[in-house]
C-alpha cells in the first residue's frame, strides 16, 4: 500500500511565513551601529533566545530582525520603537497584512482608549487592531521623551487606500482632527483634501464664490447660492449634486431684480435700499445689497482716481507757468 506523501510548501508560502516573523528597524543616520549595539537594545525589549536572525540591509541604519515565532514578533512590535545608543529607532513589520498606522497631532493628554475607540469605528471591515502606543523622540539624548505621534498595529489584508486619512475625535467637549499616515500609501492634501499629493505641491484651483476646490469662480455653478445662504463652512469643498445645483440656479434666477443704475448717488442708494427692504424678501435684499455695495465701491474709487488726475494736471500747469502755488482749502 503506497503511503501518501505530504505536499511540500510552495516558495511563496515559505516567504510569507518568514516575513510574518521579520521586523525592520530603521535608525537615524547620525552614527554607525554594530550588532552589539542592536543586541543590547533588544535585550531590554525581548528575550535574546527568541531571535533567529539579525543583520543589516545595504545601509548601516537599517536592520532586519527575524524571530523564531510569530507570537514573539507580535510582542516585540507592541513597543513600536527601540532605543539604540540613546537614539530611538522605528520598527515596522515585513508582513504585508500587518500595517503600522502613524497618528499625528495627538496631544499627550489624549487617552489611549479614546484613540482606540475611534480607530475601531473608522477602520474598514476585516481590519483588526492589534495594539497601539506612543512614538519616542529620535533626537540623541531624548530617546525617553514621548512625541505627539501615536502608532497603531492593524492587521488588514485589503488595500491600504481604504484606511482612513483623518480621524475626528471629541474629548471633553473639545473636537480635534488627527492625521493618519501609512508607509507606502499615497498621502492626502490638507488643502483640497484630495489624495495623491501634499499641501506644499497642491495646484488645485480654488473658487472664491462657493469656497470650494476643483474649479474657479468663472466656471462655478453654485457660488450665488452659497452667497445667499451665508452659512457655508469656509474652505470646505462644495460638491452638490445636479438636483441641488439646478434648484439653486432656479432660485437665483427668480430672486434677482433688475440692476440699479450705476450713476445713482450714495445717499440715494441708502434711501432706495430702505424703501425696497419693506417689500422684498430676505434673499432678495441680500442679493441687492451685494450688487449695491460692489457698484458703490467702484464709483468711490473712480472719483478718487479722477481727483488725483485733476490735481496732477493742475500742479503740472502751475509748474510750467511759473506761478505760485494756490493756497490750501480749509
C-alpha atoms as a PDB file:
ATOM      1  CA  UNK A   1       0.000   0.000   0.000  1.00  0.00           C
ATOM      2  CA  UNK A   2       1.525   3.275  -1.121  1.00  0.00           C
ATOM      3  CA  UNK A   3       1.867   5.929   1.568  1.00  0.00           C
ATOM      4  CA  UNK A   4       0.622   9.429   0.658  1.00  0.00           C
ATOM      5  CA  UNK A   5       3.387  12.000   0.732  1.00  0.00           C
ATOM      6  CA  UNK A   6       2.740  15.346   2.360  1.00  0.00           C
ATOM      7  CA  UNK A   7       2.840  18.105  -0.279  1.00  0.00           C
ATOM      8  CA  UNK A   8       5.812  20.405   0.039  1.00  0.00           C
ATOM      9  CA  UNK A   9       5.009  24.049   0.791  1.00  0.00           C
ATOM     10  CA  UNK A  10       5.324  26.477  -2.057  1.00  0.00           C
ATOM     11  CA  UNK A  11       8.115  29.009  -2.166  1.00  0.00           C
ATOM     12  CA  UNK A  12       5.597  31.856  -1.867  1.00  0.00           C
ATOM     13  CA  UNK A  13       4.147  30.384   1.328  1.00  0.00           C
ATOM     14  CA  UNK A  14       7.625  29.963   2.830  1.00  0.00           C
ATOM     15  CA  UNK A  15       8.483  33.603   2.132  1.00  0.00           C
ATOM     16  CA  UNK A  16       5.219  34.811   3.664  1.00  0.00           C
ATOM     17  CA  UNK A  17       5.731  32.699   6.782  1.00  0.00           C
ATOM     18  CA  UNK A  18       9.232  34.107   7.350  1.00  0.00           C
ATOM     19  CA  UNK A  19       8.094  37.667   6.676  1.00  0.00           C
ATOM     20  CA  UNK A  20       5.425  37.342   9.358  1.00  0.00           C
ATOM     21  CA  UNK A  21       8.254  36.849  11.857  1.00  0.00           C
ATOM     22  CA  UNK A  22      10.556  39.531  10.462  1.00  0.00           C
ATOM     23  CA  UNK A  23      10.784  43.107  11.759  1.00  0.00           C
ATOM     24  CA  UNK A  24      12.648  46.009  10.133  1.00  0.00           C
ATOM     25  CA  UNK A  25      14.415  48.521  12.373  1.00  0.00           C
ATOM     26  CA  UNK A  26      15.140  51.981  10.948  1.00  0.00           C
ATOM     27  CA  UNK A  27      17.620  54.180  12.842  1.00  0.00           C
ATOM     28  CA  UNK A  28      18.802  57.752  12.174  1.00  0.00           C
ATOM     29  CA  UNK A  29      21.994  58.202  10.153  1.00  0.00           C
ATOM     30  CA  UNK A  30      23.636  60.259  12.863  1.00  0.00           C
ATOM     31  CA  UNK A  31      26.078  57.484  13.797  1.00  0.00           C
ATOM     32  CA  UNK A  32      27.114  53.930  12.915  1.00  0.00           C
ATOM     33  CA  UNK A  33      25.673  50.887  14.667  1.00  0.00           C
ATOM     34  CA  UNK A  34      27.103  47.454  15.386  1.00  0.00           C
ATOM     35  CA  UNK A  35      25.477  44.130  16.117  1.00  0.00           C
ATOM     36  CA  UNK A  36      26.419  44.534  19.777  1.00  0.00           C
ATOM     37  CA  UNK A  37      24.549  47.869  19.972  1.00  0.00           C
ATOM     38  CA  UNK A  38      21.404  46.303  18.482  1.00  0.00           C
ATOM     39  CA  UNK A  39      21.662  43.263  20.779  1.00  0.00           C
ATOM     40  CA  UNK A  40      21.965  45.450  23.881  1.00  0.00           C
ATOM     41  CA  UNK A  41      18.860  47.404  22.858  1.00  0.00           C
ATOM     42  CA  UNK A  42      16.900  44.224  22.085  1.00  0.00           C
ATOM     43  CA  UNK A  43      17.768  42.720  25.476  1.00  0.00           C
ATOM     44  CA  UNK A  44      15.546  45.380  27.068  1.00  0.00           C
ATOM     45  CA  UNK A  45      12.569  44.565  24.800  1.00  0.00           C
ATOM     46  CA  UNK A  46      12.612  40.804  24.279  1.00  0.00           C
ATOM     47  CA  UNK A  47      14.373  37.565  25.111  1.00  0.00           C
ATOM     48  CA  UNK A  48      17.504  37.168  23.002  1.00  0.00           C
ATOM     49  CA  UNK A  49      16.956  33.395  22.754  1.00  0.00           C
ATOM     50  CA  UNK A  50      13.845  34.064  20.647  1.00  0.00           C
ATOM     51  CA  UNK A  51      15.890  35.754  17.895  1.00  0.00           C
ATOM     52  CA  UNK A  52      16.505  33.629  14.804  1.00  0.00           C
ATOM     53  CA  UNK A  53      18.391  36.098  12.562  1.00  0.00           C
ATOM     54  CA  UNK A  54      19.763  39.626  12.844  1.00  0.00           C
ATOM     55  CA  UNK A  55      21.666  41.718  10.326  1.00  0.00           C
ATOM     56  CA  UNK A  56      21.914  44.954   8.375  1.00  0.00           C
ATOM     57  CA  UNK A  57      20.491  45.527   4.890  1.00  0.00           C
ATOM     58  CA  UNK A  58      22.605  47.628   2.500  1.00  0.00           C
ATOM     59  CA  UNK A  59      22.743  50.592   4.883  1.00  0.00           C
ATOM     60  CA  UNK A  60      24.069  50.578   8.414  1.00  0.00           C
ATOM     61  CA  UNK A  61      20.972  52.302   9.828  1.00  0.00           C
ATOM     62  CA  UNK A  62      18.505  49.654   8.538  1.00  0.00           C
ATOM     63  CA  UNK A  63      18.408  46.283  10.271  1.00  0.00           C
ATOM     64  CA  UNK A  64      16.217  43.230   9.855  1.00  0.00           C
ATOM     65  CA  UNK A  65      15.326  41.003  12.769  1.00  0.00           C
ATOM     66  CA  UNK A  66      13.649  37.597  12.445  1.00  0.00           C
ATOM     67  CA  UNK A  67      12.076  35.967  15.499  1.00  0.00           C
ATOM     68  CA  UNK A  68      11.553  32.248  15.970  1.00  0.00           C
ATOM     69  CA  UNK A  69       7.782  32.544  16.414  1.00  0.00           C
ATOM     70  CA  UNK A  70       5.169  34.989  15.227  1.00  0.00           C
ATOM     71  CA  UNK A  71       3.998  35.458  18.830  1.00  0.00           C
ATOM     72  CA  UNK A  72       7.441  36.756  19.802  1.00  0.00           C
ATOM     73  CA  UNK A  73       7.392  39.135  16.837  1.00  0.00           C
ATOM     74  CA  UNK A  74       3.972  40.412  17.890  1.00  0.00           C
ATOM     75  CA  UNK A  75       5.163  41.066  21.443  1.00  0.00           C
ATOM     76  CA  UNK A  76       8.182  42.972  20.144  1.00  0.00           C
ATOM     77  CA  UNK A  77       6.057  45.059  17.768  1.00  0.00           C
ATOM     78  CA  UNK A  78       3.983  46.262  20.729  1.00  0.00           C
ATOM     79  CA  UNK A  79       6.908  48.516  21.730  1.00  0.00           C
ATOM     80  CA  UNK A  80       6.770  50.431  18.438  1.00  0.00           C
ATOM     81  CA  UNK A  81      10.234  51.968  18.890  1.00  0.00           C
ATOM     82  CA  UNK A  82      13.626  50.768  20.087  1.00  0.00           C
ATOM     83  CA  UNK A  83      16.372  52.886  21.684  1.00  0.00           C
ATOM     84  CA  UNK A  84      19.900  52.261  20.354  1.00  0.00           C
ATOM     85  CA  UNK A  85      22.790  54.431  21.627  1.00  0.00           C
ATOM     86  CA  UNK A  86      20.338  56.974  23.097  1.00  0.00           C
ATOM     87  CA  UNK A  87      18.587  57.243  19.725  1.00  0.00           C
ATOM     88  CA  UNK A  88      15.057  55.963  19.062  1.00  0.00           C
ATOM     89  CA  UNK A  89      14.527  53.741  16.018  1.00  0.00           C
ATOM     90  CA  UNK A  90      11.244  52.775  14.399  1.00  0.00           C
ATOM     91  CA  UNK A  91      10.146  49.177  13.990  1.00  0.00           C
ATOM     92  CA  UNK A  92       7.899  48.005  11.160  1.00  0.00           C
ATOM     93  CA  UNK A  93       6.679  44.549  10.285  1.00  0.00           C
ATOM     94  CA  UNK A  94       7.623  42.886   6.989  1.00  0.00           C
ATOM     95  CA  UNK A  95       4.248  41.171   6.947  1.00  0.00           C
ATOM     96  CA  UNK A  96       2.160  42.689   4.152  1.00  0.00           C
ATOM     97  CA  UNK A  97      -1.066  42.154   6.132  1.00  0.00           C
ATOM     98  CA  UNK A  98       0.258  43.874   9.263  1.00  0.00           C
ATOM     99  CA  UNK A  99       0.286  47.638   8.845  1.00  0.00           C
ATOM    100  CA  UNK A 100       1.609  50.347  11.104  1.00  0.00           C
ATOM    101  CA  UNK A 101      -0.577  53.431  11.251  1.00  0.00           C
ATOM    102  CA  UNK A 102       1.095  56.641  12.420  1.00  0.00           C
ATOM    103  CA  UNK A 103      -1.393  59.018  14.064  1.00  0.00           C
ATOM    104  CA  UNK A 104      -0.194  62.633  14.106  1.00  0.00           C
ATOM    105  CA  UNK A 105      -1.370  65.717  16.048  1.00  0.00           C
ATOM    106  CA  UNK A 106      -2.402  63.629  19.075  1.00  0.00           C
ATOM    107  CA  UNK A 107      -1.938  65.629  22.305  1.00  0.00           C
ATOM    108  CA  UNK A 108      -0.152  63.897  25.143  1.00  0.00           C
ATOM    109  CA  UNK A 109      -3.192  64.252  27.400  1.00  0.00           C
ATOM    110  CA  UNK A 110      -5.403  62.389  24.904  1.00  0.00           C
ATOM    111  CA  UNK A 111      -6.248  58.988  26.462  1.00  0.00           C
ATOM    112  CA  UNK A 112      -5.317  55.878  24.517  1.00  0.00           C
ATOM    113  CA  UNK A 113      -8.792  54.374  24.909  1.00  0.00           C
ATOM    114  CA  UNK A 114     -10.279  57.359  23.043  1.00  0.00           C
ATOM    115  CA  UNK A 115      -7.915  56.758  20.105  1.00  0.00           C
ATOM    116  CA  UNK A 116      -8.688  53.037  20.213  1.00  0.00           C
ATOM    117  CA  UNK A 117     -12.431  53.684  20.145  1.00  0.00           C
ATOM    118  CA  UNK A 118     -12.278  55.989  17.118  1.00  0.00           C
ATOM    119  CA  UNK A 119      -9.958  53.580  15.289  1.00  0.00           C
ATOM    120  CA  UNK A 120     -12.324  50.656  15.777  1.00  0.00           C
ATOM    121  CA  UNK A 121     -15.167  52.816  14.492  1.00  0.00           C
ATOM    122  CA  UNK A 122     -13.361  54.143  11.398  1.00  0.00           C
ATOM    123  CA  UNK A 123     -11.394  51.071  10.288  1.00  0.00           C
ATOM    124  CA  UNK A 124     -12.875  49.174   7.309  1.00  0.00           C
ATOM    125  CA  UNK A 125     -14.344  45.724   7.584  1.00  0.00           C
ATOM    126  CA  UNK A 126     -11.830  42.962   8.111  1.00  0.00           C
ATOM    127  CA  UNK A 127      -9.260  45.202   9.844  1.00  0.00           C
ATOM    128  CA  UNK A 128      -8.205  44.104  13.332  1.00  0.00           C
ATOM    129  CA  UNK A 129      -6.480  46.447  15.775  1.00  0.00           C
ATOM    130  CA  UNK A 130      -3.683  44.502  17.487  1.00  0.00           C
ATOM    131  CA  UNK A 131      -2.105  47.246  19.582  1.00  0.00           C
ATOM    132  CA  UNK A 132      -1.120  50.891  19.878  1.00  0.00           C
ATOM    133  CA  UNK A 133       1.446  53.079  21.582  1.00  0.00           C
ATOM    134  CA  UNK A 134       3.345  56.381  21.567  1.00  0.00           C
ATOM    135  CA  UNK A 135       6.455  57.023  19.487  1.00  0.00           C
ATOM    136  CA  UNK A 136       9.620  58.259  21.178  1.00  0.00           C
ATOM    137  CA  UNK A 137      11.888  61.087  20.049  1.00  0.00           C
ATOM    138  CA  UNK A 138      14.655  60.283  17.552  1.00  0.00           C
ATOM    139  CA  UNK A 139      16.949  63.049  18.853  1.00  0.00           C
ATOM    140  CA  UNK A 140      20.083  61.868  20.594  1.00  0.00           C
ATOM    141  CA  UNK A 141      19.734  62.136  24.355  1.00  0.00           C
ATOM    142  CA  UNK A 142      15.932  62.461  24.153  1.00  0.00           C
ATOM    143  CA  UNK A 143      15.076  58.867  23.350  1.00  0.00           C
ATOM    144  CA  UNK A 144      12.978  58.642  26.525  1.00  0.00           C
ATOM    145  CA  UNK A 145      10.803  61.652  25.572  1.00  0.00           C
ATOM    146  CA  UNK A 146       7.392  60.894  24.085  1.00  0.00           C
ATOM    147  CA  UNK A 147       6.223  62.677  20.942  1.00  0.00           C
ATOM    148  CA  UNK A 148       2.747  63.678  19.820  1.00  0.00           C
ATOM    149  CA  UNK A 149       2.687  60.831  17.305  1.00  0.00           C
ATOM    150  CA  UNK A 150       0.824  57.645  18.160  1.00  0.00           C
ATOM    151  CA  UNK A 151       1.112  54.336  16.324  1.00  0.00           C
ATOM    152  CA  UNK A 152      -1.341  51.512  15.858  1.00  0.00           C
ATOM    153  CA  UNK A 153      -0.673  47.987  14.598  1.00  0.00           C
ATOM    154  CA  UNK A 154      -3.508  46.853  12.327  1.00  0.00           C
ATOM    155  CA  UNK A 155      -3.866  43.531  10.536  1.00  0.00           C
ATOM    156  CA  UNK A 156      -5.599  44.186   7.248  1.00  0.00           C
ATOM    157  CA  UNK A 157      -5.368  42.177   4.031  1.00  0.00           C
ATOM    158  CA  UNK A 158      -7.175  44.718   1.872  1.00  0.00           C
ATOM    159  CA  UNK A 159      -5.993  47.795   0.037  1.00  0.00           C
ATOM    160  CA  UNK A 160      -4.381  50.349   2.407  1.00  0.00           C
ATOM    161  CA  UNK A 161      -6.113  53.112   0.440  1.00  0.00           C
ATOM    162  CA  UNK A 162      -9.364  52.190   2.213  1.00  0.00           C
ATOM    163  CA  UNK A 163      -7.877  53.047   5.612  1.00  0.00           C
ATOM    164  CA  UNK A 164      -8.886  56.482   6.940  1.00  0.00           C
ATOM    165  CA  UNK A 165      -6.675  59.506   6.307  1.00  0.00           C
ATOM    166  CA  UNK A 166      -8.204  61.717   9.004  1.00  0.00           C
ATOM    167  CA  UNK A 167      -9.828  60.859  12.320  1.00  0.00           C
ATOM    168  CA  UNK A 168     -12.303  63.167  14.043  1.00  0.00           C
ATOM    169  CA  UNK A 169     -12.407  62.733  17.797  1.00  0.00           C
ATOM    170  CA  UNK A 170     -14.197  64.582  20.595  1.00  0.00           C
ATOM    171  CA  UNK A 171     -12.951  64.522  24.197  1.00  0.00           C
ATOM    172  CA  UNK A 172     -14.310  66.731  26.994  1.00  0.00           C
ATOM    173  CA  UNK A 173     -16.318  68.909  24.581  1.00  0.00           C
ATOM    174  CA  UNK A 174     -13.202  69.557  22.516  1.00  0.00           C
ATOM    175  CA  UNK A 175     -13.150  68.409  18.907  1.00  0.00           C
ATOM    176  CA  UNK A 176      -9.893  67.656  17.120  1.00  0.00           C
ATOM    177  CA  UNK A 177      -8.678  66.057  13.915  1.00  0.00           C
ATOM    178  CA  UNK A 178      -5.861  63.501  13.727  1.00  0.00           C
ATOM    179  CA  UNK A 179      -3.825  62.749  10.614  1.00  0.00           C
ATOM    180  CA  UNK A 180      -3.188  59.069   9.759  1.00  0.00           C
ATOM    181  CA  UNK A 181      -0.264  58.035   7.545  1.00  0.00           C
ATOM    182  CA  UNK A 182       0.694  54.566   6.328  1.00  0.00           C
ATOM    183  CA  UNK A 183       4.021  53.687   4.741  1.00  0.00           C
ATOM    184  CA  UNK A 184       3.617  53.088   1.007  1.00  0.00           C
ATOM    185  CA  UNK A 185       0.189  54.744   0.785  1.00  0.00           C
ATOM    186  CA  UNK A 186      -0.454  57.945  -1.159  1.00  0.00           C
ATOM    187  CA  UNK A 187      -0.839  60.976   1.140  1.00  0.00           C
ATOM    188  CA  UNK A 188      -3.838  63.263   1.422  1.00  0.00           C
ATOM    189  CA  UNK A 189      -3.628  67.002   0.747  1.00  0.00           C
ATOM    190  CA  UNK A 190      -4.566  69.090   3.786  1.00  0.00           C
ATOM    191  CA  UNK A 191      -5.678  71.966   1.499  1.00  0.00           C
ATOM    192  CA  UNK A 192      -8.069  70.405  -1.011  1.00  0.00           C
ATOM    193  CA  UNK A 193      -8.437  67.018   0.772  1.00  0.00           C
ATOM    194  CA  UNK A 194      -7.616  65.115  -2.434  1.00  0.00           C
ATOM    195  CA  UNK A 195      -5.413  62.012  -2.341  1.00  0.00           C
ATOM    196  CA  UNK A 196      -2.146  61.820  -4.272  1.00  0.00           C
ATOM    197  CA  UNK A 197      -0.184  64.942  -3.281  1.00  0.00           C
ATOM    198  CA  UNK A 198       0.677  67.088  -0.264  1.00  0.00           C
ATOM    199  CA  UNK A 199      -0.261  70.651   0.593  1.00  0.00           C
ATOM    200  CA  UNK A 200       3.044  72.215  -0.496  1.00  0.00           C
ATOM    201  CA  UNK A 201       2.603  70.729  -4.003  1.00  0.00           C
ATOM    202  CA  UNK A 202      -1.120  71.432  -4.344  1.00  0.00           C
ATOM    203  CA  UNK A 203      -2.195  73.246  -7.525  1.00  0.00           C
ATOM    204  CA  UNK A 204      -5.932  72.543  -7.298  1.00  0.00           C
ATOM    205  CA  UNK A 205      -7.880  75.682  -8.285  1.00  0.00           C
ATOM    206  CA  UNK A 206      -9.878  77.426  -5.547  1.00  0.00           C
ATOM    207  CA  UNK A 207     -13.250  79.113  -6.060  1.00  0.00           C
ATOM    208  CA  UNK A 208     -13.784  82.306  -4.072  1.00  0.00           C
ATOM    209  CA  UNK A 209     -17.505  82.159  -4.835  1.00  0.00           C
ATOM    210  CA  UNK A 210     -18.517  78.876  -3.203  1.00  0.00           C
ATOM    211  CA  UNK A 211     -15.236  78.433  -1.266  1.00  0.00           C
ATOM    212  CA  UNK A 212     -14.664  75.029  -2.800  1.00  0.00           C
ATOM    213  CA  UNK A 213     -11.839  73.334  -4.669  1.00  0.00           C
ATOM    214  CA  UNK A 214     -11.645  71.855  -8.144  1.00  0.00           C
ATOM    215  CA  UNK A 215     -12.869  74.843 -10.159  1.00  0.00           C
ATOM    216  CA  UNK A 216     -12.619  78.639 -10.369  1.00  0.00           C
ATOM    217  CA  UNK A 217     -15.261  81.330  -9.973  1.00  0.00           C
ATOM    218  CA  UNK A 218     -15.670  81.772 -13.742  1.00  0.00           C
ATOM    219  CA  UNK A 219     -16.830  78.155 -14.098  1.00  0.00           C
ATOM    220  CA  UNK A 220     -18.647  77.872 -10.741  1.00  0.00           C
ATOM    221  CA  UNK A 221     -22.326  76.974 -10.830  1.00  0.00           C
ATOM    222  CA  UNK A 222     -23.293  77.450  -7.206  1.00  0.00           C
ATOM    223  CA  UNK A 223     -21.457  80.488  -5.779  1.00  0.00           C
ATOM    224  CA  UNK A 224     -24.646  82.592  -5.917  1.00  0.00           C
ATOM    225  CA  UNK A 225     -26.476  80.046  -3.772  1.00  0.00           C
ATOM    226  CA  UNK A 226     -23.564  79.975  -1.317  1.00  0.00           C
ATOM    227  CA  UNK A 227     -23.628  83.768  -1.052  1.00  0.00           C
ATOM    228  CA  UNK A 228     -27.372  83.773  -0.358  1.00  0.00           C
ATOM    229  CA  UNK A 229     -27.163  81.011   2.228  1.00  0.00           C
ATOM    230  CA  UNK A 230     -24.309  82.655   4.133  1.00  0.00           C
ATOM    231  CA  UNK A 231     -23.696  79.613   6.342  1.00  0.00           C
ATOM    232  CA  UNK A 232     -21.217  77.588   4.297  1.00  0.00           C
ATOM    233  CA  UNK A 233     -18.072  76.479   6.078  1.00  0.00           C
ATOM    234  CA  UNK A 234     -15.035  78.418   4.872  1.00  0.00           C
ATOM    235  CA  UNK A 235     -12.547  76.292   2.976  1.00  0.00           C
ATOM    236  CA  UNK A 236     -14.773  73.222   2.793  1.00  0.00           C
ATOM    237  CA  UNK A 237     -15.242  71.793  -0.692  1.00  0.00           C
ATOM    238  CA  UNK A 238     -18.761  72.297  -2.025  1.00  0.00           C
ATOM    239  CA  UNK A 239     -19.781  69.417  -4.267  1.00  0.00           C
ATOM    240  CA  UNK A 240     -23.595  69.399  -4.594  1.00  0.00           C
ATOM    241  CA  UNK A 241     -25.354  67.012  -6.889  1.00  0.00           C
ATOM    242  CA  UNK A 242     -27.122  68.006 -10.107  1.00  0.00           C
ATOM    243  CA  UNK A 243     -30.511  68.403  -8.433  1.00  0.00           C
ATOM    244  CA  UNK A 244     -29.178  70.862  -5.839  1.00  0.00           C
ATOM    245  CA  UNK A 245     -27.342  72.926  -8.471  1.00  0.00           C
ATOM    246  CA  UNK A 246     -30.415  73.141 -10.706  1.00  0.00           C
ATOM    247  CA  UNK A 247     -32.590  74.202  -7.756  1.00  0.00           C
ATOM    248  CA  UNK A 248     -30.056  76.856  -6.723  1.00  0.00           C
ATOM    249  CA  UNK A 249     -29.871  78.215 -10.275  1.00  0.00           C
ATOM    250  CA  UNK A 250     -33.674  78.482 -10.476  1.00  0.00           C
ATOM    251  CA  UNK A 251     -33.836  80.243  -7.089  1.00  0.00           C
ATOM    252  CA  UNK A 252     -31.247  82.818  -8.097  1.00  0.00           C
ATOM    253  CA  UNK A 253     -32.965  83.453 -11.420  1.00  0.00           C
ATOM    254  CA  UNK A 254     -36.335  84.179  -9.734  1.00  0.00           C
ATOM    255  CA  UNK A 255     -34.947  86.324  -6.895  1.00  0.00           C
ATOM    256  CA  UNK A 256     -32.606  88.525  -8.976  1.00  0.00           C
ATOM    257  CA  UNK A 257     -34.148  92.032  -9.521  1.00  0.00           C
ATOM    258  CA  UNK A 258     -33.244  94.456 -12.322  1.00  0.00           C
ATOM    259  CA  UNK A 259     -29.845  96.063 -11.542  1.00  0.00           C
ATOM    260  CA  UNK A 260     -29.910  99.616 -10.103  1.00  0.00           C
ATOM    261  CA  UNK A 261     -28.497 102.464 -12.205  1.00  0.00           C
ATOM    262  CA  UNK A 262     -24.725 102.887 -11.895  1.00  0.00           C
ATOM    263  CA  UNK A 263     -24.769 106.704 -11.560  1.00  0.00           C
ATOM    264  CA  UNK A 264     -27.086 106.874  -8.520  1.00  0.00           C
ATOM    265  CA  UNK A 265     -25.511 108.786  -5.554  1.00  0.00           C
ATOM    266  CA  UNK A 266     -24.658 107.053  -2.296  1.00  0.00           C
ATOM    267  CA  UNK A 267     -27.358 108.880  -0.292  1.00  0.00           C
ATOM    268  CA  UNK A 268     -29.968 107.938  -2.879  1.00  0.00           C
ATOM    269  CA  UNK A 269     -28.787 104.335  -2.738  1.00  0.00           C
ATOM    270  CA  UNK A 270     -29.310 104.206   1.032  1.00  0.00           C
ATOM    271  CA  UNK A 271     -32.798 105.696   0.669  1.00  0.00           C
ATOM    272  CA  UNK A 272     -33.573 103.320  -2.162  1.00  0.00           C
ATOM    273  CA  UNK A 273     -32.466 100.313  -0.075  1.00  0.00           C
ATOM    274  CA  UNK A 274     -34.709 101.404   2.831  1.00  0.00           C
ATOM    275  CA  UNK A 275     -37.705 101.689   0.515  1.00  0.00           C
ATOM    276  CA  UNK A 276     -37.031  98.342  -1.123  1.00  0.00           C
ATOM    277  CA  UNK A 277     -36.465  96.480   2.184  1.00  0.00           C
ATOM    278  CA  UNK A 278     -40.139  96.824   3.128  1.00  0.00           C
ATOM    279  CA  UNK A 279     -41.434  94.931   0.123  1.00  0.00           C
ATOM    280  CA  UNK A 280     -38.762  92.317  -0.627  1.00  0.00           C
ATOM    281  CA  UNK A 281     -37.759  89.027   0.866  1.00  0.00           C
ATOM    282  CA  UNK A 282     -34.583  88.350   2.832  1.00  0.00           C
ATOM    283  CA  UNK A 283     -32.870  86.607  -0.068  1.00  0.00           C
ATOM    284  CA  UNK A 284     -33.667  89.446  -2.469  1.00  0.00           C
ATOM    285  CA  UNK A 285     -32.356  92.061  -0.018  1.00  0.00           C
ATOM    286  CA  UNK A 286     -29.133  90.112   0.434  1.00  0.00           C
ATOM    287  CA  UNK A 287     -28.588  89.818  -3.330  1.00  0.00           C
ATOM    288  CA  UNK A 288     -29.374  93.508  -3.969  1.00  0.00           C
ATOM    289  CA  UNK A 289     -27.104  94.573  -1.097  1.00  0.00           C
ATOM    290  CA  UNK A 290     -24.212  92.739  -2.711  1.00  0.00           C
ATOM    291  CA  UNK A 291     -24.854  94.435  -6.044  1.00  0.00           C
ATOM    292  CA  UNK A 292     -25.171  97.919  -4.487  1.00  0.00           C
ATOM    293  CA  UNK A 293     -22.010  97.546  -2.383  1.00  0.00           C
ATOM    294  CA  UNK A 294     -19.969  96.465  -5.402  1.00  0.00           C
ATOM    295  CA  UNK A 295     -21.226  99.406  -7.503  1.00  0.00           C
ATOM    296  CA  UNK A 296     -20.636 101.857  -4.616  1.00  0.00           C
ATOM    297  CA  UNK A 297     -17.048 100.666  -4.239  1.00  0.00           C
ATOM    298  CA  UNK A 298     -16.422 101.038  -7.975  1.00  0.00           C
ATOM    299  CA  UNK A 299     -17.878 104.598  -8.031  1.00  0.00           C
ATOM    300  CA  UNK A 300     -15.833 105.595  -4.965  1.00  0.00           C
ATOM    301  CA  UNK A 301     -12.521 104.539  -6.480  1.00  0.00           C
ATOM    302  CA  UNK A 302     -13.446 106.154  -9.802  1.00  0.00           C
ATOM    303  CA  UNK A 303     -13.921 109.518  -8.040  1.00  0.00           C
ATOM    304  CA  UNK A 304     -10.622 109.101  -6.179  1.00  0.00           C
ATOM    305  CA  UNK A 305      -8.722 108.429  -9.406  1.00  0.00           C
ATOM    306  CA  UNK A 306     -10.359 111.383 -11.149  1.00  0.00           C
ATOM    307  CA  UNK A 307      -9.471 113.675  -8.257  1.00  0.00           C
ATOM    308  CA  UNK A 308      -5.832 112.531  -8.303  1.00  0.00           C
ATOM    309  CA  UNK A 309      -5.588 113.074 -12.046  1.00  0.00           C
ATOM    310  CA  UNK A 310      -7.103 116.578 -11.832  1.00  0.00           C
ATOM    311  CA  UNK A 311      -4.702 117.640  -9.084  1.00  0.00           C
ATOM    312  CA  UNK A 312      -1.752 116.244 -11.047  1.00  0.00           C
ATOM    313  CA  UNK A 313      -2.786 118.198 -14.141  1.00  0.00           C
ATOM    314  CA  UNK A 314      -3.244 121.403 -12.084  1.00  0.00           C
ATOM    315  CA  UNK A 315       0.192 121.154 -10.487  1.00  0.00           C
ATOM    316  CA  UNK A 316       1.740 120.468 -13.894  1.00  0.00           C
ATOM    317  CA  UNK A 317       0.207 123.638 -15.372  1.00  0.00           C
ATOM    318  CA  UNK A 318       1.361 125.687 -12.377  1.00  0.00           C
ATOM    319  CA  UNK A 319       4.903 124.351 -12.673  1.00  0.00           C
ATOM    320  CA  UNK A 320       5.046 125.172 -16.372  1.00  0.00           C
ATOM    321  CA  UNK A 321       3.656 128.712 -15.955  1.00  0.00           C
ATOM    322  CA  UNK A 322       5.926 129.607 -13.033  1.00  0.00           C
ATOM    323  CA  UNK A 323       3.070 130.920 -10.851  1.00  0.00           C
ATOM    324  CA  UNK A 324       2.888 130.422  -7.110  1.00  0.00           C
ATOM    325  CA  UNK A 325       1.009 127.534  -5.657  1.00  0.00           C
ATOM    326  CA  UNK A 326      -2.617 128.230  -4.749  1.00  0.00           C
ATOM    327  CA  UNK A 327      -3.427 128.327  -1.015  1.00  0.00           C
ATOM    328  CA  UNK A 328      -4.779 125.208   0.578  1.00  0.00           C
ATOM    329  CA  UNK A 329      -8.528 124.999   1.018  1.00  0.00           C
ATOM    330  CA  UNK A 330      -9.899 124.507   4.511  1.00  0.00           C
END
